[in-house]
Amino acid sequence: MADLYEDDILLWSERLGELLRRRAAGELVNEAELDWPNLAQEIESVGRSQLSAVRSHIMQAFPHDLKAEAWPTARDAPHWQSEARRARLDAAEAYTPSMRQRIDIARLYAKALRIMLES
């Protein structure tokens, strides 16, 4: 099963998902087929991906907020405000309480400001 993980992750995930569902239902399955190391890696990856998505949404909101604040009468100001609001809503939707200690808002703000000033 570990080879399948390297060769075809979609098929690996489908087969492993089916094995896990069968095992959860009480059916005996071949333990050798359960690819525990890669399964653990994928589960951790899901959490990291969610955290990355929230950070990304926050980073998307900052430049729009900054532009709308700097140029409130600009023709694009309503669009910037709308984009910032959408990004904040997306971040809030994906946010979980355990992310609080892993998201450094000041660092993200500084990074967004630096990117905006460079462009």
PDB file of N, CA and C in Angstrom:
ATOM      1  N   MET A   1       0.829  -1.196   0.000  1.00  0.00           N
ATOM      2  CA  MET A   1       0.000   0.000   0.000  1.00  0.00           C
ATOM      3  C   MET A   1       0.872   1.259   0.000  1.00  0.00           C
ATOM      4  N   ALA A   2       2.060   1.186   0.616  1.00  0.00           N
ATOM      5  CA  ALA A   2       2.945   2.350   0.638  1.00  0.00           C
ATOM      6  C   ALA A   2       3.407   2.705  -0.772  1.00  0.00           C
ATOM      7  N   ASP A   3       3.616   1.694  -1.621  1.00  0.00           N
ATOM      8  CA  ASP A   3       4.002   1.964  -3.014  1.00  0.00           C
ATOM      9  C   ASP A   3       2.878   2.694  -3.736  1.00  0.00           C
ATOM     10  N   LEU A   4       1.652   2.282  -3.470  1.00  0.00           N
ATOM     11  CA  LEU A   4       0.502   2.917  -4.104  1.00  0.00           C
ATOM     12  C   LEU A   4       0.421   4.394  -3.698  1.00  0.00           C
ATOM     13  N   TYR A   5       0.797   4.699  -2.471  1.00  0.00           N
ATOM     14  CA  TYR A   5       0.817   6.086  -1.994  1.00  0.00           C
ATOM     15  C   TYR A   5       1.716   6.936  -2.887  1.00  0.00           C
ATOM     16  N   GLU A   6       2.860   6.405  -3.241  1.00  0.00           N
ATOM     17  CA  GLU A   6       3.811   7.131  -4.090  1.00  0.00           C
ATOM     18  C   GLU A   6       3.351   7.187  -5.543  1.00  0.00           C
ATOM     19  N   ASP A   7       2.698   6.123  -6.013  1.00  0.00           N
ATOM     20  CA  ASP A   7       2.345   6.009  -7.434  1.00  0.00           C
ATOM     21  C   ASP A   7       1.004   6.638  -7.799  1.00  0.00           C
ATOM     22  N   ASP A   8       0.012   6.525  -6.904  1.00  0.00           N
ATOM     23  CA  ASP A   8      -1.343   6.997  -7.223  1.00  0.00           C
ATOM     24  C   ASP A   8      -2.066   7.337  -5.924  1.00  0.00           C
ATOM     25  N   ILE A   9      -1.853   8.556  -5.441  1.00  0.00           N
ATOM     26  CA  ILE A   9      -2.394   8.940  -4.130  1.00  0.00           C
ATOM     27  C   ILE A   9      -3.926   8.921  -4.106  1.00  0.00           C
ATOM     28  N   LEU A  10      -4.556   9.185  -5.239  1.00  0.00           N
ATOM     29  CA  LEU A  10      -6.018   9.140  -5.277  1.00  0.00           C
ATOM     30  C   LEU A  10      -6.508   7.721  -5.006  1.00  0.00           C
ATOM     31  N   LEU A  11      -5.947   6.754  -5.717  1.00  0.00           N
ATOM     32  CA  LEU A  11      -6.344   5.357  -5.513  1.00  0.00           C
ATOM     33  C   LEU A  11      -5.976   4.909  -4.106  1.00  0.00           C
ATOM     34  N   TRP A  12      -4.794   5.321  -3.622  1.00  0.00           N
ATOM     35  CA  TRP A  12      -4.372   4.985  -2.261  1.00  0.00           C
ATOM     36  C   TRP A  12      -5.397   5.492  -1.255  1.00  0.00           C
ATOM     37  N   SER A  13      -5.823   6.747  -1.405  1.00  0.00           N
ATOM     38  CA  SER A  13      -6.760   7.326  -0.437  1.00  0.00           C
ATOM     39  C   SER A  13      -8.112   6.623  -0.482  1.00  0.00           C
ATOM     40  N   GLU A  14      -8.558   6.250  -1.671  1.00  0.00           N
ATOM     41  CA  GLU A  14      -9.838   5.542  -1.787  1.00  0.00           C
ATOM     42  C   GLU A  14      -9.762   4.168  -1.138  1.00  0.00           C
ATOM     43  N   ARG A  15      -8.700   3.441  -1.419  1.00  0.00           N
ATOM     44  CA  ARG A  15      -8.554   2.094  -0.836  1.00  0.00           C
ATOM     45  C   ARG A  15      -8.371   2.154   0.674  1.00  0.00           C
ATOM     46  N   LEU A  16      -7.543   3.070   1.129  1.00  0.00           N
ATOM     47  CA  LEU A  16      -7.314   3.174   2.566  1.00  0.00           C
ATOM     48  C   LEU A  16      -8.580   3.642   3.285  1.00  0.00           C
ATOM     49  N   GLY A  17      -9.301   4.559   2.689  1.00  0.00           N
ATOM     50  CA  GLY A  17     -10.568   5.001   3.272  1.00  0.00           C
ATOM     51  C   GLY A  17     -11.547   3.848   3.421  1.00  0.00           C
ATOM     52  N   GLU A  18     -11.634   3.028   2.393  1.00  0.00           N
ATOM     53  CA  GLU A  18     -12.533   1.863   2.447  1.00  0.00           C
ATOM     54  C   GLU A  18     -12.087   0.885   3.533  1.00  0.00           C
ATOM     55  N   LEU A  19     -10.790   0.620   3.617  1.00  0.00           N
ATOM     56  CA  LEU A  19     -10.285  -0.277   4.666  1.00  0.00           C
ATOM     57  C   LEU A  19     -10.604   0.266   6.054  1.00  0.00           C
ATOM     58  N   LEU A  20     -10.404   1.543   6.250  1.00  0.00           N
ATOM     59  CA  LEU A  20     -10.675   2.142   7.560  1.00  0.00           C
ATOM     60  C   LEU A  20     -12.161   2.103   7.908  1.00  0.00           C
ATOM     61  N   ARG A  21     -13.018   2.353   6.917  1.00  0.00           N
ATOM     62  CA  ARG A  21     -14.469   2.259   7.170  1.00  0.00           C
ATOM     63  C   ARG A  21     -14.859   0.830   7.546  1.00  0.00           C
ATOM     64  N   ARG A  22     -14.295  -0.138   6.847  1.00  0.00           N
ATOM     65  CA  ARG A  22     -14.604  -1.539   7.161  1.00  0.00           C
ATOM     66  C   ARG A  22     -14.124  -1.893   8.562  1.00  0.00           C
ATOM     67  N   ARG A  23     -12.920  -1.431   8.903  1.00  0.00           N
ATOM     68  CA  ARG A  23     -12.376  -1.711  10.236  1.00  0.00           C
ATOM     69  C   ARG A  23     -13.222  -1.033  11.311  1.00  0.00           C
ATOM     70  N   ALA A  24     -13.643   0.197  11.064  1.00  0.00           N
ATOM     71  CA  ALA A  24     -14.484   0.920  12.024  1.00  0.00           C
ATOM     72  C   ALA A  24     -15.821   0.223  12.230  1.00  0.00           C
ATOM     73  N   ALA A  25     -16.288  -0.477  11.199  1.00  0.00           N
ATOM     74  CA  ALA A  25     -17.555  -1.205  11.295  1.00  0.00           C
ATOM     75  C   ALA A  25     -17.381  -2.552  11.998  1.00  0.00           C
ATOM     76  N   GLY A  26     -16.143  -2.855  12.409  1.00  0.00           N
ATOM     77  CA  GLY A  26     -15.903  -4.090  13.142  1.00  0.00           C
ATOM     78  C   GLY A  26     -15.408  -5.241  12.293  1.00  0.00           C
ATOM     79  N   GLU A  27     -15.255  -5.012  11.010  1.00  0.00           N
ATOM     80  CA  GLU A  27     -14.781  -6.069  10.117  1.00  0.00           C
ATOM     81  C   GLU A  27     -13.275  -6.256  10.302  1.00  0.00           C
ATOM     82  N   LEU A  28     -12.835  -7.485  10.239  1.00  0.00           N
ATOM     83  CA  LEU A  28     -11.403  -7.755  10.302  1.00  0.00           C
ATOM     84  C   LEU A  28     -10.790  -7.437   8.947  1.00  0.00           C
ATOM     85  N   VAL A  29      -9.751  -6.650   8.969  1.00  0.00           N
ATOM     86  CA  VAL A  29      -9.039  -6.315   7.731  1.00  0.00           C
ATOM     87  C   VAL A  29      -7.578  -6.689   7.911  1.00  0.00           C
ATOM     88  N   ASN A  30      -6.887  -6.825   6.810  1.00  0.00           N
ATOM     89  CA  ASN A  30      -5.469  -7.149   6.840  1.00  0.00           C
ATOM     90  C   ASN A  30      -4.705  -5.920   7.333  1.00  0.00           C
ATOM     91  N   GLU A  31      -4.193  -6.001   8.550  1.00  0.00           N
ATOM     92  CA  GLU A  31      -3.482  -4.861   9.150  1.00  0.00           C
ATOM     93  C   GLU A  31      -2.295  -4.419   8.302  1.00  0.00           C
ATOM     94  N   ALA A  32      -1.707  -5.344   7.560  1.00  0.00           N
ATOM     95  CA  ALA A  32      -0.554  -5.001   6.723  1.00  0.00           C
ATOM     96  C   ALA A  32      -0.949  -4.034   5.606  1.00  0.00           C
ATOM     97  N   GLU A  33      -2.228  -4.012   5.256  1.00  0.00           N
ATOM     98  CA  GLU A  33      -2.696  -3.118   4.199  1.00  0.00           C
ATOM     99  C   GLU A  33      -2.923  -1.687   4.697  1.00  0.00           C
ATOM    100  N   LEU A  34      -2.994  -1.520   5.999  1.00  0.00           N
ATOM    101  CA  LEU A  34      -3.205  -0.181   6.550  1.00  0.00           C
ATOM    102  C   LEU A  34      -1.859   0.545   6.601  1.00  0.00           C
ATOM    103  N   ASP A  35      -1.726   1.536   5.779  1.00  0.00           N
ATOM    104  CA  ASP A  35      -0.478   2.286   5.614  1.00  0.00           C
ATOM    105  C   ASP A  35      -0.411   3.388   6.670  1.00  0.00           C
ATOM    106  N   TRP A  36      -0.144   2.981   7.922  1.00  0.00           N
ATOM    107  CA  TRP A  36      -0.195   3.906   9.047  1.00  0.00           C
ATOM    108  C   TRP A  36       0.755   5.098   8.921  1.00  0.00           C
ATOM    109  N   PRO A  37       2.016   4.900   8.521  1.00  0.00           N
ATOM    110  CA  PRO A  37       2.912   6.067   8.442  1.00  0.00           C
ATOM    111  C   PRO A  37       2.407   7.144   7.474  1.00  0.00           C
ATOM    112  N   ASN A  38       1.986   6.728   6.282  1.00  0.00           N
ATOM    113  CA  ASN A  38       1.499   7.716   5.317  1.00  0.00           C
ATOM    114  C   ASN A  38       0.142   8.281   5.722  1.00  0.00           C
ATOM    115  N   LEU A  39      -0.677   7.462   6.374  1.00  0.00           N
ATOM    116  CA  LEU A  39      -1.966   7.953   6.865  1.00  0.00           C
ATOM    117  C   LEU A  39      -1.747   9.051   7.910  1.00  0.00           C
ATOM    118  N   ALA A  40      -0.829   8.819   8.832  1.00  0.00           N
ATOM    119  CA  ALA A  40      -0.526   9.830   9.854  1.00  0.00           C
ATOM    120  C   ALA A  40      -0.011  11.113   9.199  1.00  0.00           C
ATOM    121  N   GLN A  41       0.848  10.956   8.206  1.00  0.00           N
ATOM    122  CA  GLN A  41       1.383  12.118   7.493  1.00  0.00           C
ATOM    123  C   GLN A  41       0.270  12.901   6.813  1.00  0.00           C
ATOM    124  N   GLU A  42      -0.663  12.211   6.186  1.00  0.00           N
ATOM    125  CA  GLU A  42      -1.764  12.886   5.490  1.00  0.00           C
ATOM    126  C   GLU A  42      -2.704  13.588   6.460  1.00  0.00           C
ATOM    127  N   ILE A  43      -2.963  12.971   7.603  1.00  0.00           N
ATOM    128  CA  ILE A  43      -3.830  13.611   8.601  1.00  0.00           C
ATOM    129  C   ILE A  43      -3.189  14.902   9.103  1.00  0.00           C
ATOM    130  N   GLU A  44      -1.894  14.856   9.394  1.00  0.00           N
ATOM    131  CA  GLU A  44      -1.194  16.070   9.824  1.00  0.00           C
ATOM    132  C   GLU A  44      -1.199  17.122   8.718  1.00  0.00           C
ATOM    133  N   SER A  45      -1.086  16.667   7.487  1.00  0.00           N
ATOM    134  CA  SER A  45      -1.070  17.569   6.338  1.00  0.00           C
ATOM    135  C   SER A  45      -2.395  18.321   6.204  1.00  0.00           C
ATOM    136  N   VAL A  46      -3.490  17.660   6.517  1.00  0.00           N
ATOM    137  CA  VAL A  46      -4.804  18.309   6.452  1.00  0.00           C
ATOM    138  C   VAL A  46      -4.840  19.502   7.404  1.00  0.00           C
ATOM    139  N   GLY A  47      -4.358  19.307   8.612  1.00  0.00           N
ATOM    140  CA  GLY A  47      -4.337  20.398   9.585  1.00  0.00           C
ATOM    141  C   GLY A  47      -3.452  21.547   9.139  1.00  0.00           C
ATOM    142  N   ARG A  48      -2.267  21.207   8.625  1.00  0.00           N
ATOM    143  CA  ARG A  48      -1.360  22.259   8.147  1.00  0.00           C
ATOM    144  C   ARG A  48      -1.975  23.016   6.979  1.00  0.00           C
ATOM    145  N   SER A  49      -2.666  22.304   6.104  1.00  0.00           N
ATOM    146  CA  SER A  49      -3.304  22.951   4.951  1.00  0.00           C
ATOM    147  C   SER A  49      -4.386  23.925   5.402  1.00  0.00           C
ATOM    148  N   GLN A  50      -5.171  23.535   6.388  1.00  0.00           N
ATOM    149  CA  GLN A  50      -6.220  24.419   6.902  1.00  0.00           C
ATOM    150  C   GLN A  50      -5.613  25.669   7.537  1.00  0.00           C
ATOM    151  N   LEU A  51      -4.549  25.484   8.300  1.00  0.00           N
ATOM    152  CA  LEU A  51      -3.866  26.618   8.925  1.00  0.00           C
ATOM    153  C   LEU A  51      -3.304  27.546   7.852  1.00  0.00           C
ATOM    154  N   SER A  52      -2.710  26.966   6.841  1.00  0.00           N
ATOM    155  CA  SER A  52      -2.159  27.756   5.740  1.00  0.00           C
ATOM    156  C   SER A  52      -3.256  28.528   5.012  1.00  0.00           C
ATOM    157  N   ALA A  53      -4.407  27.908   4.843  1.00  0.00           N
ATOM    158  CA  ALA A  53      -5.524  28.573   4.165  1.00  0.00           C
ATOM    159  C   ALA A  53      -5.999  29.785   4.966  1.00  0.00           C
ATOM    160  N   VAL A  54      -6.109  29.643   6.275  1.00  0.00           N
ATOM    161  CA  VAL A  54      -6.543  30.769   7.111  1.00  0.00           C
ATOM    162  C   VAL A  54      -5.523  31.900   7.034  1.00  0.00           C
ATOM    163  N   ARG A  55      -4.252  31.555   7.130  1.00  0.00           N
ATOM    164  CA  ARG A  55      -3.209  32.586   7.011  1.00  0.00           C
ATOM    165  C   ARG A  55      -3.299  33.288   5.660  1.00  0.00           C
ATOM    166  N   SER A  56      -3.521  32.525   4.619  1.00  0.00           N
ATOM    167  CA  SER A  56      -3.617  33.082   3.269  1.00  0.00           C
ATOM    168  C   SER A  56      -4.797  34.044   3.148  1.00  0.00           C
ATOM    169  N   HIS A  57      -5.936  33.672   3.702  1.00  0.00           N
ATOM    170  CA  HIS A  57      -7.105  34.560   3.657  1.00  0.00           C
ATOM    171  C   HIS A  57      -6.825  35.867   4.407  1.00  0.00           C
ATOM    172  N   ILE A  58      -6.163  35.751   5.548  1.00  0.00           N
ATOM    173  CA  ILE A  58      -5.816  36.951   6.314  1.00  0.00           C
ATOM    174  C   ILE A  58      -4.875  37.832   5.495  1.00  0.00           C
ATOM    175  N   MET A  59      -3.886  37.195   4.869  1.00  0.00           N
ATOM    176  CA  MET A  59      -2.928  37.938   4.037  1.00  0.00           C
ATOM    177  C   MET A  59      -3.624  38.615   2.858  1.00  0.00           C
ATOM    178  N   GLN A  60      -4.665  38.011   2.321  1.00  0.00           N
ATOM    179  CA  GLN A  60      -5.407  38.608   1.210  1.00  0.00           C
ATOM    180  C   GLN A  60      -6.204  39.826   1.675  1.00  0.00           C
ATOM    181  N   ALA A  61      -6.675  39.796   2.900  1.00  0.00           N
ATOM    182  CA  ALA A  61      -7.488  40.905   3.412  1.00  0.00           C
ATOM    183  C   ALA A  61      -6.656  42.165   3.647  1.00  0.00           C
ATOM    184  N   PHE A  62      -5.458  42.004   4.167  1.00  0.00           N
ATOM    185  CA  PHE A  62      -4.655  43.168   4.551  1.00  0.00           C
ATOM    186  C   PHE A  62      -4.412  44.174   3.428  1.00  0.00           C
ATOM    187  N   PRO A  63      -3.929  43.779   2.254  1.00  0.00           N
ATOM    188  CA  PRO A  63      -3.669  44.796   1.220  1.00  0.00           C
ATOM    189  C   PRO A  63      -4.923  45.569   0.812  1.00  0.00           C
ATOM    190  N   HIS A  64      -6.044  44.867   0.744  1.00  0.00           N
ATOM    191  CA  HIS A  64      -7.295  45.536   0.378  1.00  0.00           C
ATOM    192  C   HIS A  64      -7.712  46.528   1.464  1.00  0.00           C
ATOM    193  N   ASP A  65      -7.576  46.115   2.719  1.00  0.00           N
ATOM    194  CA  ASP A  65      -7.878  47.030   3.826  1.00  0.00           C
ATOM    195  C   ASP A  65      -6.958  48.248   3.797  1.00  0.00           C
ATOM    196  N   LEU A  66      -5.680  48.000   3.560  1.00  0.00           N
ATOM    197  CA  LEU A  66      -4.708  49.101   3.537  1.00  0.00           C
ATOM    198  C   LEU A  66      -5.010  50.083   2.413  1.00  0.00           C
ATOM    199  N   LYS A  67      -5.312  49.567   1.230  1.00  0.00           N
ATOM    200  CA  LYS A  67      -5.626  50.452   0.100  1.00  0.00           C
ATOM    201  C   LYS A  67      -6.907  51.248   0.369  1.00  0.00           C
ATOM    202  N   ALA A  68      -7.923  50.579   0.894  1.00  0.00           N
ATOM    203  CA  ALA A  68      -9.191  51.265   1.174  1.00  0.00           C
ATOM    204  C   ALA A  68      -9.010  52.345   2.242  1.00  0.00           C
ATOM    205  N   GLU A  69      -8.134  52.077   3.197  1.00  0.00           N
ATOM    206  CA  GLU A  69      -7.863  53.057   4.255  1.00  0.00           C
ATOM    207  C   GLU A  69      -7.042  54.233   3.717  1.00  0.00           C
ATOM    208  N   ALA A  70      -6.071  53.922   2.862  1.00  0.00           N
ATOM    209  CA  ALA A  70      -5.194  54.973   2.327  1.00  0.00           C
ATOM    210  C   ALA A  70      -5.897  55.848   1.296  1.00  0.00           C
ATOM    211  N   TRP A  71      -6.785  55.248   0.496  1.00  0.00           N
ATOM    212  CA  TRP A  71      -7.468  55.980  -0.572  1.00  0.00           C
ATOM    213  C   TRP A  71      -8.977  55.746  -0.484  1.00  0.00           C
ATOM    214  N   PRO A  72      -9.624  56.260   0.568  1.00  0.00           N
ATOM    215  CA  PRO A  72     -11.047  55.974   0.791  1.00  0.00           C
ATOM    216  C   PRO A  72     -11.975  56.515  -0.300  1.00  0.00           C
ATOM    217  N   THR A  73     -11.534  57.527  -1.031  1.00  0.00           N
ATOM    218  CA  THR A  73     -12.400  58.096  -2.072  1.00  0.00           C
ATOM    219  C   THR A  73     -12.065  57.558  -3.465  1.00  0.00           C
ATOM    220  N   ALA A  74     -11.134  56.635  -3.537  1.00  0.00           N
ATOM    221  CA  ALA A  74     -10.764  56.061  -4.838  1.00  0.00           C
ATOM    222  C   ALA A  74     -11.946  55.303  -5.431  1.00  0.00           C
ATOM    223  N   ARG A  75     -11.993  55.273  -6.737  1.00  0.00           N
ATOM    224  CA  ARG A  75     -13.069  54.575  -7.439  1.00  0.00           C
ATOM    225  C   ARG A  75     -13.128  53.094  -7.032  1.00  0.00           C
ATOM    226  N   ASP A  76     -11.962  52.498  -6.766  1.00  0.00           N
ATOM    227  CA  ASP A  76     -11.899  51.077  -6.426  1.00  0.00           C
ATOM    228  C   ASP A  76     -12.088  50.791  -4.933  1.00  0.00           C
ATOM    229  N   ALA A  77     -12.243  51.818  -4.116  1.00  0.00           N
ATOM    230  CA  ALA A  77     -12.358  51.615  -2.666  1.00  0.00           C
ATOM    231  C   ALA A  77     -13.475  50.645  -2.282  1.00  0.00           C
ATOM    232  N   PRO A  78     -14.678  50.750  -2.864  1.00  0.00           N
ATOM    233  CA  PRO A  78     -15.715  49.777  -2.502  1.00  0.00           C
ATOM    234  C   PRO A  78     -15.323  48.334  -2.859  1.00  0.00           C
ATOM    235  N   HIS A  79     -14.636  48.184  -3.982  1.00  0.00           N
ATOM    236  CA  HIS A  79     -14.173  46.850  -4.385  1.00  0.00           C
ATOM    237  C   HIS A  79     -13.147  46.328  -3.378  1.00  0.00           C
ATOM    238  N   TRP A  80     -12.197  47.178  -2.976  1.00  0.00           N
ATOM    239  CA  TRP A  80     -11.192  46.762  -2.005  1.00  0.00           C
ATOM    240  C   TRP A  80     -11.848  46.349  -0.690  1.00  0.00           C
ATOM    241  N   GLN A  81     -12.831  47.139  -0.263  1.00  0.00           N
ATOM    242  CA  GLN A  81     -13.526  46.812   0.986  1.00  0.00           C
ATOM    243  C   GLN A  81     -14.260  45.477   0.868  1.00  0.00           C
ATOM    244  N   SER A  82     -14.880  45.262  -0.269  1.00  0.00           N
ATOM    245  CA  SER A  82     -15.601  44.012  -0.506  1.00  0.00           C
ATOM    246  C   SER A  82     -14.650  42.814  -0.513  1.00  0.00           C
ATOM    247  N   GLU A  83     -13.517  42.968  -1.179  1.00  0.00           N
ATOM    248  CA  GLU A  83     -12.527  41.885  -1.236  1.00  0.00           C
ATOM    249  C   GLU A  83     -11.961  41.584   0.150  1.00  0.00           C
ATOM    250  N   ALA A  84     -11.696  42.617   0.922  1.00  0.00           N
ATOM    251  CA  ALA A  84     -11.181  42.426   2.280  1.00  0.00           C
ATOM    252  C   ALA A  84     -12.213  41.708   3.144  1.00  0.00           C
ATOM    253  N   ARG A  85     -13.459  42.122   3.024  1.00  0.00           N
ATOM    254  CA  ARG A  85     -14.543  41.498   3.791  1.00  0.00           C
ATOM    255  C   ARG A  85     -14.681  40.019   3.423  1.00  0.00           C
ATOM    256  N   ARG A  86     -14.624  39.720   2.124  1.00  0.00           N
ATOM    257  CA  ARG A  86     -14.733  38.335   1.664  1.00  0.00           C
ATOM    258  C   ARG A  86     -13.583  37.490   2.212  1.00  0.00           C
ATOM    259  N   ALA A  87     -12.366  38.033   2.169  1.00  0.00           N
ATOM    260  CA  ALA A  87     -11.205  37.293   2.666  1.00  0.00           C
ATOM    261  C   ALA A  87     -11.320  37.046   4.171  1.00  0.00           C
ATOM    262  N   ARG A  88     -11.794  38.048   4.915  1.00  0.00           N
ATOM    263  CA  ARG A  88     -11.971  37.865   6.362  1.00  0.00           C
ATOM    264  C   ARG A  88     -13.046  36.826   6.657  1.00  0.00           C
ATOM    265  N   LEU A  89     -14.124  36.829   5.882  1.00  0.00           N
ATOM    266  CA  LEU A  89     -15.177  35.819   6.068  1.00  0.00           C
ATOM    267  C   LEU A  89     -14.650  34.422   5.765  1.00  0.00           C
ATOM    268  N   ASP A  90     -13.860  34.300   4.700  1.00  0.00           N
ATOM    269  CA  ASP A  90     -13.264  33.004   4.366  1.00  0.00           C
ATOM    270  C   ASP A  90     -12.340  32.532   5.483  1.00  0.00           C
ATOM    271  N   ALA A  91     -11.558  33.458   6.040  1.00  0.00           N
ATOM    272  CA  ALA A  91     -10.665  33.107   7.148  1.00  0.00           C
ATOM    273  C   ALA A  91     -11.479  32.651   8.356  1.00  0.00           C
ATOM    274  N   ALA A  92     -12.526  33.384   8.667  1.00  0.00           N
ATOM    275  CA  ALA A  92     -13.358  33.046   9.828  1.00  0.00           C
ATOM    276  C   ALA A  92     -14.030  31.691   9.658  1.00  0.00           C
ATOM    277  N   GLU A  93     -14.420  31.378   8.435  1.00  0.00           N
ATOM    278  CA  GLU A  93     -15.079  30.104   8.160  1.00  0.00           C
ATOM    279  C   GLU A  93     -14.150  28.918   8.394  1.00  0.00           C
ATOM    280  N   ALA A  94     -12.883  29.070   8.051  1.00  0.00           N
ATOM    281  CA  ALA A  94     -11.925  27.969   8.167  1.00  0.00           C
ATOM    282  C   ALA A  94     -11.200  27.953   9.515  1.00  0.00           C
ATOM    283  N   TYR A  95     -11.336  29.023  10.287  1.00  0.00           N
ATOM    284  CA  TYR A  95     -10.620  29.171  11.558  1.00  0.00           C
ATOM    285  C   TYR A  95     -11.138  28.199  12.610  1.00  0.00           C
ATOM    286  N   THR A  96     -10.197  27.636  13.377  1.00  0.00           N
ATOM    287  CA  THR A  96     -10.544  26.815  14.535  1.00  0.00           C
ATOM    288  C   THR A  96      -9.789  27.367  15.745  1.00  0.00           C
ATOM    289  N   PRO A  97     -10.293  27.150  16.960  1.00  0.00           N
ATOM    290  CA  PRO A  97      -9.666  27.736  18.151  1.00  0.00           C
ATOM    291  C   PRO A  97      -8.179  27.396  18.316  1.00  0.00           C
ATOM    292  N   SER A  98      -7.763  26.200  17.928  1.00  0.00           N
ATOM    293  CA  SER A  98      -6.355  25.825  18.117  1.00  0.00           C
ATOM    294  C   SER A  98      -5.412  26.614  17.218  1.00  0.00           C
ATOM    295  N   MET A  99      -5.947  27.294  16.223  1.00  0.00           N
ATOM    296  CA  MET A  99      -5.107  28.081  15.321  1.00  0.00           C
ATOM    297  C   MET A  99      -4.655  29.390  15.959  1.00  0.00           C
ATOM    298  N   ARG A 100      -5.361  29.821  16.975  1.00  0.00           N
ATOM    299  CA  ARG A 100      -5.080  31.126  17.590  1.00  0.00           C
ATOM    300  C   ARG A 100      -3.611  31.277  17.974  1.00  0.00           C
ATOM    301  N   GLN A 101      -3.060  30.264  18.610  1.00  0.00           N
ATOM    302  CA  GLN A 101      -1.668  30.353  19.063  1.00  0.00           C
ATOM    303  C   GLN A 101      -0.671  30.156  17.927  1.00  0.00           C
ATOM    304  N   ARG A 102      -1.140  29.765  16.755  1.00  0.00           N
ATOM    305  CA  ARG A 102      -0.242  29.508  15.625  1.00  0.00           C
ATOM    306  C   ARG A 102      -0.296  30.593  14.553  1.00  0.00           C
ATOM    307  N   ILE A 103      -1.146  31.579  14.746  1.00  0.00           N
ATOM    308  CA  ILE A 103      -1.260  32.659  13.767  1.00  0.00           C
ATOM    309  C   ILE A 103      -0.762  33.946  14.408  1.00  0.00           C
ATOM    310  N   ASP A 104       0.312  34.477  13.852  1.00  0.00           N
ATOM    311  CA  ASP A 104       0.907  35.717  14.343  1.00  0.00           C
ATOM    312  C   ASP A 104       0.419  36.851  13.435  1.00  0.00           C
ATOM    313  N   ILE A 105      -0.650  37.512  13.857  1.00  0.00           N
ATOM    314  CA  ILE A 105      -1.276  38.558  13.043  1.00  0.00           C
ATOM    315  C   ILE A 105      -0.291  39.685  12.732  1.00  0.00           C
ATOM    316  N   ALA A 106       0.506  40.081  13.712  1.00  0.00           N
ATOM    317  CA  ALA A 106       1.463  41.169  13.481  1.00  0.00           C
ATOM    318  C   ALA A 106       2.464  40.787  12.390  1.00  0.00           C
ATOM    319  N   ARG A 107       2.913  39.550  12.411  1.00  0.00           N
ATOM    320  CA  ARG A 107       3.861  39.087  11.391  1.00  0.00           C
ATOM    321  C   ARG A 107       3.203  39.044  10.018  1.00  0.00           C
ATOM    322  N   LEU A 108       1.972  38.559   9.957  1.00  0.00           N
ATOM    323  CA  LEU A 108       1.251  38.511   8.685  1.00  0.00           C
ATOM    324  C   LEU A 108       1.008  39.920   8.150  1.00  0.00           C
ATOM    325  N   TYR A 109       0.668  40.836   9.041  1.00  0.00           N
ATOM    326  CA  TYR A 109       0.441  42.228   8.632  1.00  0.00           C
ATOM    327  C   TYR A 109       1.727  42.835   8.062  1.00  0.00           C
ATOM    328  N   ALA A 110       2.839  42.622   8.766  1.00  0.00           N
ATOM    329  CA  ALA A 110       4.123  43.158   8.301  1.00  0.00           C
ATOM    330  C   ALA A 110       4.494  42.572   6.941  1.00  0.00           C
ATOM    331  N   LYS A 111       4.239  41.292   6.775  1.00  0.00           N
ATOM    332  CA  LYS A 111       4.537  40.637   5.493  1.00  0.00           C
ATOM    333  C   LYS A 111       3.657  41.204   4.383  1.00  0.00           C
ATOM    334  N   ALA A 112       2.381  41.367   4.658  1.00  0.00           N
ATOM    335  CA  ALA A 112       1.455  41.917   3.656  1.00  0.00           C
ATOM    336  C   ALA A 112       1.847  43.347   3.292  1.00  0.00           C
ATOM    337  N   LEU A 113       2.225  44.126   4.279  1.00  0.00           N
ATOM    338  CA  LEU A 113       2.648  45.507   4.036  1.00  0.00           C
ATOM    339  C   LEU A 113       3.907  45.538   3.172  1.00  0.00           C
ATOM    340  N   ARG A 114       4.852  44.662   3.493  1.00  0.00           N
ATOM    341  CA  ARG A 114       6.095  44.581   2.719  1.00  0.00           C
ATOM    342  C   ARG A 114       5.804  44.204   1.262  1.00  0.00           C
ATOM    343  N   ILE A 115       4.944  43.216   1.059  1.00  0.00           N
ATOM    344  CA  ILE A 115       4.579  42.788  -0.296  1.00  0.00           C
ATOM    345  C   ILE A 115       3.900  43.926  -1.045  1.00  0.00           C
ATOM    346  N   MET A 116       3.002  44.619  -0.360  1.00  0.00           N
ATOM    347  CA  MET A 116       2.279  45.720  -1.000  1.00  0.00           C
ATOM    348  C   MET A 116       3.222  46.854  -1.393  1.00  0.00           C
ATOM    349  N   LEU A 117       4.174  47.158  -0.545  1.00  0.00           N
ATOM    350  CA  LEU A 117       5.115  48.240  -0.832  1.00  0.00           C
ATOM    351  C   LEU A 117       6.084  47.876  -1.957  1.00  0.00           C
ATOM    352  N   GLU A 118       6.340  46.583  -2.120  1.00  0.00           N
ATOM    353  CA  GLU A 118       7.244  46.132  -3.181  1.00  0.00           C
ATOM    354  C   GLU A 118       6.572  46.102  -4.547  1.00  0.00           C
ATOM    355  N   SER A 119       5.253  46.075  -4.557  1.00  0.00           N
ATOM    356  CA  SER A 119       4.565  45.961  -5.853  1.00  0.00           C
ATOM    357  C   SER A 119       4.213  47.305  -6.444  1.00  0.00           C
TER     358      SER A 119
END
